Protein backbone atom coordinates (compact mmCIF):
# COMPACT_ATOMS: atom_id res chain seq x y z
CA UNK A 1 -10.37 -15.08 7.13
CA UNK A 2 -8.09 -13.68 9.83
CA UNK A 3 -5.58 -11.00 8.79
CA UNK A 4 -2.61 -13.27 9.59
CA UNK A 5 -3.87 -15.81 6.99
CA UNK A 6 -4.13 -13.27 4.21
CA UNK A 7 -1.08 -12.86 1.92
CA UNK A 8 0.92 -9.72 2.33
CA UNK A 9 0.21 -8.58 -1.29
CA UNK A 10 -3.56 -9.06 -0.66
CA UNK A 11 -3.39 -7.16 2.52
CA UNK A 12 -1.59 -4.23 0.84
CA UNK A 13 -4.00 -4.12 -2.10
CA UNK A 14 -6.91 -4.16 0.35
CA UNK A 15 -5.64 -1.39 2.62
CA UNK A 16 -4.72 0.90 -0.34
CA UNK A 17 -8.17 0.31 -1.83
CA UNK A 18 -9.90 1.33 1.38
CA UNK A 19 -7.77 4.48 1.47
CA UNK A 20 -8.54 5.31 -2.12
CA UNK A 21 -12.22 4.94 -1.29
CA UNK A 22 -11.60 7.29 1.70
CA UNK A 23 -12.62 4.62 4.25
CA UNK A 24 -9.38 5.16 6.19
CA UNK A 25 -7.11 8.08 6.80
CA UNK A 26 -3.60 8.86 5.61
CA UNK A 27 -2.33 7.91 9.08
CA UNK A 28 -4.12 4.55 9.06
CA UNK A 29 -2.74 3.82 5.61
CA UNK A 30 0.83 4.77 6.79
CA UNK A 31 0.52 2.57 9.83
CA UNK A 32 -0.81 -0.40 7.86
CA UNK A 33 1.96 -0.08 5.26
CA UNK A 34 4.62 0.16 7.95
CA UNK A 35 3.29 -3.11 9.42
CA UNK A 36 3.20 -4.91 6.10
CA UNK A 37 5.68 -7.69 5.65
CA UNK A 38 7.49 -6.95 2.42
CA UNK A 39 9.75 -10.04 2.58
CA UNK A 40 7.37 -12.08 0.35
CA UNK A 41 7.04 -9.40 -2.24
CA UNK A 42 9.10 -9.17 -5.41
CA UNK A 43 11.68 -6.26 -5.58
CA UNK A 44 9.36 -4.33 -7.89
CA UNK A 45 6.37 -4.72 -5.53
CA UNK A 46 8.45 -3.72 -2.49
CA UNK A 47 9.75 -0.71 -4.32
CA UNK A 48 6.25 0.40 -5.20
CA UNK A 49 5.17 0.08 -1.52
CA UNK A 50 8.29 1.95 -0.37
CA UNK A 51 7.46 4.77 -2.83
CA UNK A 52 3.96 5.08 -1.37
CA UNK A 53 5.27 5.01 2.16
CA UNK A 54 7.72 7.76 1.32
CA UNK A 55 4.94 9.88 -0.27
CA UNK A 56 2.91 9.55 2.98
CA UNK A 57 5.99 10.36 5.07
CA UNK A 58 6.80 13.55 3.24
CA UNK A 59 3.17 14.67 3.20
CA UNK A 60 2.56 14.65 -0.51
CA UNK A 61 -0.78 16.09 -1.61
CA UNK A 62 -3.79 13.74 -1.94
CA UNK A 63 -3.95 13.74 -5.78
CA UNK A 64 -0.28 12.91 -5.99
CA UNK A 65 -0.57 10.19 -3.40
CA UNK A 66 -3.66 8.74 -5.24
CA UNK A 67 -1.56 8.42 -8.36
CA UNK A 68 1.23 6.61 -6.46
CA UNK A 69 -1.34 4.47 -4.65
CA UNK A 70 -2.94 3.31 -7.89
CA UNK A 71 0.49 2.47 -9.37
CA UNK A 72 1.29 0.55 -6.18
CA UNK A 73 -1.92 -1.39 -6.36
CA UNK A 74 -1.24 -2.27 -9.96
CA UNK A 75 2.38 -3.26 -9.22
CA UNK A 76 1.42 -5.44 -6.26
CA UNK A 77 -1.64 -7.00 -7.86
CA UNK A 78 -0.10 -7.73 -11.25
CA UNK A 79 3.31 -8.87 -10.20
CA UNK A 80 2.01 -11.06 -7.30
C-alpha cells in the first residue's frame, strides 16, 4: 500500500515503532512527524504527537524520548 493511502494515525504508529526498534534515527523520526498530517487526529492524539515532536526538538535523552514515544503510540493507536 502506498504511503498516501495509509491513514495518518497508522503512519505515525509505524514510524514511531521503527524508531523504537532503532531502524531509523532521531532526525528521520523528527522529519516524519513534521510531515504527518494531524488534521485527522483527535485533539488528544495530536497533543501526544506534539509532545514527542517537542522532545525531539529540545534534544531530550533517548530514555525520556522512548517513554514519550510509547505514550504517543498508545494514544494514537487506542484513540484512533
